[in-house]
C-alpha atoms as a PDB file:
ATOM      1  CA  MET A   1      -1.765   4.629 -10.831  1.00  0.00           C
ATOM      2  CA  SER A   2      -5.415   5.218 -10.319  1.00  0.00           C
ATOM      3  CA  ILE A   3      -6.567   7.354  -7.373  1.00  0.00           C
ATOM      4  CA  VAL A   4      -9.641   6.164  -5.431  1.00  0.00           C
ATOM      5  CA  ARG A   5     -11.853   8.712  -3.660  1.00  0.00           C
ATOM      6  CA  GLY A   6     -11.207   8.593   0.134  1.00  0.00           C
ATOM      7  CA  GLU A   7      -7.641   7.279  -0.417  1.00  0.00           C
ATOM      8  CA  THR A   8      -4.964   8.770   1.824  1.00  0.00           C
ATOM      9  CA  ILE A   9      -2.441  10.827  -0.094  1.00  0.00           C
ATOM     10  CA  LEU A  10       0.771  12.279   1.288  1.00  0.00           C
ATOM     11  CA  VAL A  11       1.182  15.876   0.367  1.00  0.00           C
ATOM     12  CA  ARG A  12       4.286  18.023   0.913  1.00  0.00           C
ATOM     13  CA  SER A  13       3.537  21.346   2.692  1.00  0.00           C
ATOM     14  CA  GLY A  14       5.480  24.113   4.374  1.00  0.00           C
ATOM     15  CA  ALA A  15       4.870  22.426   7.707  1.00  0.00           C
ATOM     16  CA  GLY A  16       6.237  19.010   6.451  1.00  0.00           C
ATOM     17  CA  VAL A  17       3.876  16.364   5.204  1.00  0.00           C
ATOM     18  CA  LEU A  18       0.128  16.284   5.369  1.00  0.00           C
ATOM     19  CA  TYR A  19      -2.055  13.186   5.259  1.00  0.00           C
ATOM     20  CA  CYS A  20      -5.030  14.218   2.975  1.00  0.00           C
ATOM     21  CA  GLU A  21      -8.068  12.542   1.482  1.00  0.00           C
ATOM     22  CA  ALA A  22      -8.490  12.185  -2.270  1.00  0.00           C
ATOM     23  CA  VAL A  23     -11.661  13.865  -3.380  1.00  0.00           C
ATOM     24  CA  GLU A  24     -11.794  14.192  -7.265  1.00  0.00           C
ATOM     25  CA  GLU A  25      -9.710  14.494 -10.353  1.00  0.00           C
ATOM     26  CA  ARG A  26     -10.447  17.598 -12.565  1.00  0.00           C
ATOM     27  CA  GLU A  27      -8.850  20.000 -15.000  1.00  0.00           C
ATOM     28  CA  CYS A  28      -7.325  23.053 -13.616  1.00  0.00           C
ATOM     29  CA  ALA A  29      -9.543  26.145 -13.999  1.00  0.00           C
ATOM     30  CA  GLY A  30      -6.643  28.349 -14.835  1.00  0.00           C
ATOM     31  CA  GLU A  31      -7.121  30.053 -18.229  1.00  0.00           C
ATOM     32  CA  ASN A  32      -3.699  28.984 -19.391  1.00  0.00           C
ATOM     33  CA  CYS A  33      -3.214  25.882 -17.535  1.00  0.00           C
ATOM     34  CA  GLY A  34      -5.565  22.946 -18.243  1.00  0.00           C
ATOM     35  CA  GLU A  35      -3.599  20.274 -16.346  1.00  0.00           C
ATOM     36  CA  VAL A  36      -5.413  17.387 -14.854  1.00  0.00           C
ATOM     37  CA  ILE A  37      -5.123  17.756 -11.024  1.00  0.00           C
ATOM     38  CA  LEU A  38      -6.302  15.882  -7.953  1.00  0.00           C
ATOM     39  CA  TRP A  39      -8.298  17.688  -5.322  1.00  0.00           C
ATOM     40  CA  VAL A  40      -7.689  16.439  -1.737  1.00  0.00           C
ATOM     41  CA  ARG A  41      -9.104  17.449   1.598  1.00  0.00           C
ATOM     42  CA  THR A  42      -6.580  18.483   4.205  1.00  0.00           C
ATOM     43  CA  PRO A  43      -6.831  17.420   7.843  1.00  0.00           C
ATOM     44  CA  LYS A  44      -8.432  20.800   8.632  1.00  0.00           C
ATOM     45  CA  GLY A  45     -11.088  20.291   5.920  1.00  0.00           C
ATOM     46  CA  ALA A  46      -9.647  22.696   3.173  1.00  0.00           C
ATOM     47  CA  LEU A  47      -9.547  21.545  -0.387  1.00  0.00           C
ATOM     48  CA  MET A  48      -6.100  21.637  -2.063  1.00  0.00           C
ATOM     49  CA  PRO A  49      -5.190  20.812  -5.667  1.00  0.00           C
ATOM     50  CA  ILE A  50      -2.112  18.596  -6.192  1.00  0.00           C
ATOM     51  CA  ASP A  51      -0.140  17.620  -9.278  1.00  0.00           C
ATOM     52  CA  LEU A  52      -0.558  14.311 -11.041  1.00  0.00           C
ATOM     53  CA  PRO A  53       0.929  11.947 -11.394  1.00  0.00           C
ATOM     54  CA  ILE A  54       1.856  11.496  -7.769  1.00  0.00           C
ATOM     55  CA  PRO A  55       5.452  10.125  -7.394  1.00  0.00           C
ATOM     56  CA  ASP A  56       5.675   6.557  -5.876  1.00  0.00           C
ATOM     57  CA  ASP A  57       8.630   7.374  -3.623  1.00  0.00           C
ATOM     58  CA  ALA A  58       7.799  10.993  -2.459  1.00  0.00           C
ATOM     59  CA  PRO A  59       4.818  13.173  -1.196  1.00  0.00           C
ATOM     60  CA  ALA A  60       2.748  14.788  -3.712  1.00  0.00           C
ATOM     61  CA  THR A  61       3.184  18.503  -4.493  1.00  0.00           C
ATOM     62  CA  SER A  62       0.511  21.265  -4.459  1.00  0.00           C
ATOM     63  CA  HIS A  63      -0.562  22.426  -7.839  1.00  0.00           C
ATOM     64  CA  PHE A  64      -0.321  26.077  -6.591  1.00  0.00           C
ATOM     65  CA  ALA A  65       3.490  25.643  -6.899  1.00  0.00           C
ATOM     66  CA  SER A  66       3.438  24.697 -10.479  1.00  0.00           C
ATOM     67  CA  CYS A  67       0.331  26.231 -11.999  1.00  0.00           C
ATOM     68  CA  VAL A  68       1.082  28.983 -14.646  1.00  0.00           C
ATOM     69  CA  ASP A  69      -2.064  30.703 -13.569  1.00  0.00           C
ATOM     70  CA  ALA A  70      -1.425  30.339  -9.718  1.00  0.00           C
ATOM     71  CA  GLU A  71      -1.434  34.147  -9.179  1.00  0.00           C
ATOM     72  CA  SER A  72      -5.036  34.459 -10.402  1.00  0.00           C
ATOM     73  CA  PHE A  73      -6.208  32.092  -7.578  1.00  0.00           C
ATOM     74  CA  ARG A  74      -4.581  34.083  -4.670  1.00  0.00           C
ATOM     75  CA  ARG A  75      -6.819  36.038  -2.464  1.00  0.00           C
END
C-alpha cells in the first residue's frame, strides 16, 4: 500500500480514533530503531509518527508504542 501525502489516515489514540493527514515517510531517528515510519499531522496540528505498514482493517498505531528508543523522545 502506497501512502500519498495529504491522505487521511485513521490512527488509534487514547481518546479513540483520530483522522490524521499523511505528511511523509522517514526512518525513525532512534539510535537502535531504524524502522521506516509515517509522519502524520493530527487534527490539532501536531506531528505523530505511526508504524508501517498500516493494517487494512484497523486504525494505525503510534510508533511511540513500539519504538525501542521511545523513552529517548519523551520530554
